[in-house]
C-alpha atoms as a PDB file:
ATOM      1  CA  MET A   1      33.891 103.112 234.594  1.00  0.00           C
ATOM      2  CA  ARG A   2      30.026 102.616 234.606  1.00  0.00           C
ATOM      3  CA  LYS A   3      29.107  99.266 236.558  1.00  0.00           C
ATOM      4  CA  ARG A   4      27.348  98.301 233.100  1.00  0.00           C
ATOM      5  CA  ASP A   5      30.846  98.798 231.257  1.00  0.00           C
ATOM      6  CA  LEU A   6      32.043  96.843 234.140  1.00  0.00           C
ATOM      7  CA  ASP A   7      30.182  93.889 233.802  1.00  0.00           C
ATOM      8  CA  LYS A   8      30.101  94.022 229.460  1.00  0.00           C
ATOM      9  CA  PHE A   9      33.658  93.513 230.153  1.00  0.00           C
ATOM     10  CA  ARG A  10      33.495  90.819 232.488  1.00  0.00           C
ATOM     11  CA  LYS A  11      31.664  89.431 230.472  1.00  0.00           C
ATOM     12  CA  LEU A  12      33.571  89.460 227.363  1.00  0.00           C
ATOM     13  CA  LEU A  13      37.120  88.698 229.105  1.00  0.00           C
ATOM     14  CA  GLN A  14      35.581  85.500 231.049  1.00  0.00           C
ATOM     15  CA  SER A  15      34.118  84.198 227.631  1.00  0.00           C
ATOM     16  CA  GLN A  16      37.758  84.852 225.755  1.00  0.00           C
ATOM     17  CA  ARG A  17      38.818  82.850 228.757  1.00  0.00           C
ATOM     18  CA  ASP A  18      36.679  80.471 228.083  1.00  0.00           C
ATOM     19  CA  GLN A  19      37.320  79.915 224.451  1.00  0.00           C
ATOM     20  CA  LEU A  20      41.190  79.755 224.384  1.00  0.00           C
ATOM     21  CA  MET A  21      40.848  76.923 227.751  1.00  0.00           C
ATOM     22  CA  GLU A  22      38.677  74.941 225.304  1.00  0.00           C
ATOM     23  CA  ASN A  23      41.250  75.420 222.638  1.00  0.00           C
ATOM     24  CA  ALA A  24      44.041  74.524 225.159  1.00  0.00           C
ATOM     25  CA  ARG A  25      41.389  71.336 226.131  1.00  0.00           C
ATOM     26  CA  ARG A  26      41.065  70.544 222.330  1.00  0.00           C
ATOM     27  CA  ALA A  27      45.004  70.572 221.497  1.00  0.00           C
ATOM     28  CA  VAL A  28      45.662  68.221 224.695  1.00  0.00           C
ATOM     29  CA  ALA A  29      43.014  65.661 223.749  1.00  0.00           C
ATOM     30  CA  GLY A  30      44.498  65.892 220.159  1.00  0.00           C
ATOM     31  CA  ASP A  31      47.354  63.871 221.656  1.00  0.00           C
ATOM     32  CA  ILE A  32      49.812  65.841 219.833  1.00  0.00           C
ATOM     33  CA  HIS A  33      52.957  63.503 219.881  1.00  0.00           C
ATOM     34  CA  LEU A  34      55.948  62.826 216.927  1.00  0.00           C
ATOM     35  CA  ASP A  35      57.091  59.347 216.844  1.00  0.00           C
ATOM     36  CA  PRO A  36      59.841  58.932 213.537  1.00  0.00           C
ATOM     37  CA  ASP A  37      58.188  55.367 211.891  1.00  0.00           C
ATOM     38  CA  ASP A  38      55.027  57.704 211.269  1.00  0.00           C
ATOM     39  CA  PHE A  39      57.564  59.798 208.470  1.00  0.00           C
ATOM     40  CA  PRO A  40      58.815  57.915 205.289  1.00  0.00           C
ATOM     41  CA  ASP A  41      61.466  60.798 204.504  1.00  0.00           C
ATOM     42  CA  GLU A  42      63.492  63.189 206.345  1.00  0.00           C
ATOM     43  CA  MET A  43      60.888  66.173 204.994  1.00  0.00           C
ATOM     44  CA  ASP A  44      57.866  64.467 205.848  1.00  0.00           C
ATOM     45  CA  ALA A  45      59.933  64.423 209.592  1.00  0.00           C
ATOM     46  CA  ALA A  46      60.710  68.361 209.978  1.00  0.00           C
ATOM     47  CA  SER A  47      57.390  69.569 208.253  1.00  0.00           C
ATOM     48  CA  SER A  48      55.932  67.772 211.496  1.00  0.00           C
ATOM     49  CA  GLU A  49      58.135  69.014 213.517  1.00  0.00           C
ATOM     50  CA  ILE A  50      58.020  72.828 212.126  1.00  0.00           C
ATOM     51  CA  ASN A  51      54.204  72.822 212.441  1.00  0.00           C
ATOM     52  CA  LEU A  52      54.528  71.423 216.265  1.00  0.00           C
ATOM     53  CA  ALA A  53      57.220  73.794 217.166  1.00  0.00           C
ATOM     54  CA  PHE A  54      54.390  76.477 215.246  1.00  0.00           C
ATOM     55  CA  LEU A  55      51.276  75.027 217.550  1.00  0.00           C
ATOM     56  CA  GLY A  56      53.917  75.179 220.951  1.00  0.00           C
ATOM     57  CA  ARG A  57      54.344  78.933 220.133  1.00  0.00           C
ATOM     58  CA  LEU A  58      50.686  79.787 219.335  1.00  0.00           C
ATOM     59  CA  ARG A  59      49.864  77.660 223.040  1.00  0.00           C
ATOM     60  CA  GLU A  60      52.055  80.101 224.939  1.00  0.00           C
ATOM     61  CA  ARG A  61      50.884  83.244 223.504  1.00  0.00           C
ATOM     62  CA  GLU A  62      47.503  81.868 224.278  1.00  0.00           C
ATOM     63  CA  ARG A  63      48.748  80.991 227.971  1.00  0.00           C
ATOM     64  CA  ARG A  64      50.070  84.800 228.283  1.00  0.00           C
ATOM     65  CA  LEU A  65      46.583  85.912 226.877  1.00  0.00           C
ATOM     66  CA  ILE A  66      44.572  84.214 229.526  1.00  0.00           C
ATOM     67  CA  ALA A  67      47.262  85.334 232.346  1.00  0.00           C
ATOM     68  CA  LYS A  68      46.523  88.920 230.976  1.00  0.00           C
ATOM     69  CA  ILE A  69      42.634  87.604 230.504  1.00  0.00           C
ATOM     70  CA  ASP A  70      43.230  86.283 234.460  1.00  0.00           C
ATOM     71  CA  GLU A  71      44.901  89.798 235.787  1.00  0.00           C
ATOM     72  CA  ALA A  72      41.796  92.412 234.005  1.00  0.00           C
ATOM     73  CA  LEU A  73      39.279  90.248 235.889  1.00  0.00           C
ATOM     74  CA  ALA A  74      40.815  90.215 238.910  1.00  0.00           C
ATOM     75  CA  LYS A  75      41.125  93.700 238.314  1.00  0.00           C
ATOM     76  CA  ILE A  76      37.663  93.801 237.588  1.00  0.00           C
ATOM     77  CA  GLU A  77      36.902  92.655 240.833  1.00  0.00           C
ATOM     78  CA  ASN A  78      39.391  95.133 242.993  1.00  0.00           C
ATOM     79  CA  ASN A  79      37.611  98.359 240.859  1.00  0.00           C
ATOM     80  CA  GLU A  80      40.819  99.278 239.038  1.00  0.00           C
ATOM     81  CA  TYR A  81      40.076  97.838 235.672  1.00  0.00           C
ATOM     82  CA  GLY A  82      40.432 100.424 233.085  1.00  0.00           C
ATOM     83  CA  LEU A  83      42.776 102.521 234.672  1.00  0.00           C
ATOM     84  CA  CYS A  84      46.193 103.324 233.268  1.00  0.00           C
ATOM     85  CA  GLU A  85      49.054 101.118 234.796  1.00  0.00           C
ATOM     86  CA  SER A  86      51.433 104.366 233.912  1.00  0.00           C
ATOM     87  CA  CYS A  87      49.205 107.331 233.862  1.00  0.00           C
ATOM     88  CA  GLY A  88      46.519 106.591 236.484  1.00  0.00           C
ATOM     89  CA  GLU A  89      44.430 107.681 234.066  1.00  0.00           C
ATOM     90  CA  GLU A  90      41.175 106.292 232.595  1.00  0.00           C
ATOM     91  CA  ILE A  91      41.561 104.135 229.313  1.00  0.00           C
ATOM     92  CA  GLY A  92      39.346 105.061 226.872  1.00  0.00           C
ATOM     93  CA  ILE A  93      36.386 102.829 226.762  1.00  0.00           C
ATOM     94  CA  LYS A  94      37.331 102.603 222.462  1.00  0.00           C
ATOM     95  CA  ARG A  95      40.811 101.288 223.363  1.00  0.00           C
ATOM     96  CA  LEU A  96      39.425  98.384 225.754  1.00  0.00           C
ATOM     97  CA  GLU A  97      36.634  97.323 223.317  1.00  0.00           C
ATOM     98  CA  ALA A  98      39.321  96.693 220.933  1.00  0.00           C
ATOM     99  CA  ARG A  99      41.805  95.195 223.439  1.00  0.00           C
ATOM    100  CA  PRO A 100      40.333  94.409 226.563  1.00  0.00           C
ATOM    101  CA  VAL A 101      43.588  93.233 228.002  1.00  0.00           C
ATOM    102  CA  ALA A 102      45.339  96.702 227.612  1.00  0.00           C
ATOM    103  CA  GLU A 103      47.263  97.910 230.742  1.00  0.00           C
ATOM    104  CA  LEU A 104      48.270 101.078 229.179  1.00  0.00           C
ATOM    105  CA  CYS A 105      45.880 104.169 227.791  1.00  0.00           C
ATOM    106  CA  ILE A 106      46.467 105.059 224.378  1.00  0.00           C
ATOM    107  CA  ASP A 107      48.858 107.713 224.998  1.00  0.00           C
ATOM    108  CA  CYS A 108      51.331 105.768 227.476  1.00  0.00           C
ATOM    109  CA  LYS A 109      51.477 102.636 224.927  1.00  0.00           C
ATOM    110  CA  SER A 110      52.073 104.962 222.309  1.00  0.00           C
ATOM    111  CA  GLU A 111      55.118 106.824 224.541  1.00  0.00           C
ATOM    112  CA  GLN A 112      56.270 102.959 225.135  1.00  0.00           C
ATOM    113  CA  GLU A 113      56.301 102.116 221.687  1.00  0.00           C
ATOM    114  CA  ARG A 114      58.665 105.257 220.365  1.00  0.00           C
ATOM    115  CA  LEU A 115      61.139 104.265 223.194  1.00  0.00           C
ATOM    116  CA  GLU A 116      60.825 100.558 221.908  1.00  0.00           C
ATOM    117  CA  ARG A 117      61.743 101.681 218.704  1.00  0.00           C
ATOM    118  CA  ARG A 118      64.419 103.876 219.875  1.00  0.00           C
ATOM    119  CA  MET A 119      66.443 100.906 222.031  1.00  0.00           C
ATOM    120  CA  GLY A 120      66.410  99.072 218.863  1.00  0.00           C
END
């Protein structure tokens, strides 16, 4: 991969990471808590608990994405970015533009998904 492309992906990944970290900081600063005395009935409490659980799942997804971004940035530094972890071929630029943290080329990813569907 050309240096210009690597620089573009480095900036894109770092920007995505910064945005996710800012979202996490705002969530923590929001001091999310659940006090049963704040809700006059069980429906309000249940609704709030569901919202908190949903936010928790979102935060976990963001945490995993940050880890993938960190891995991609490390690959850029080690000149390994853009190589398929399965077959070793280059991952297409269009695929990396759509998913900069992609670890597999489109053929290997398609094969992985086919196997996952078969396994259930």
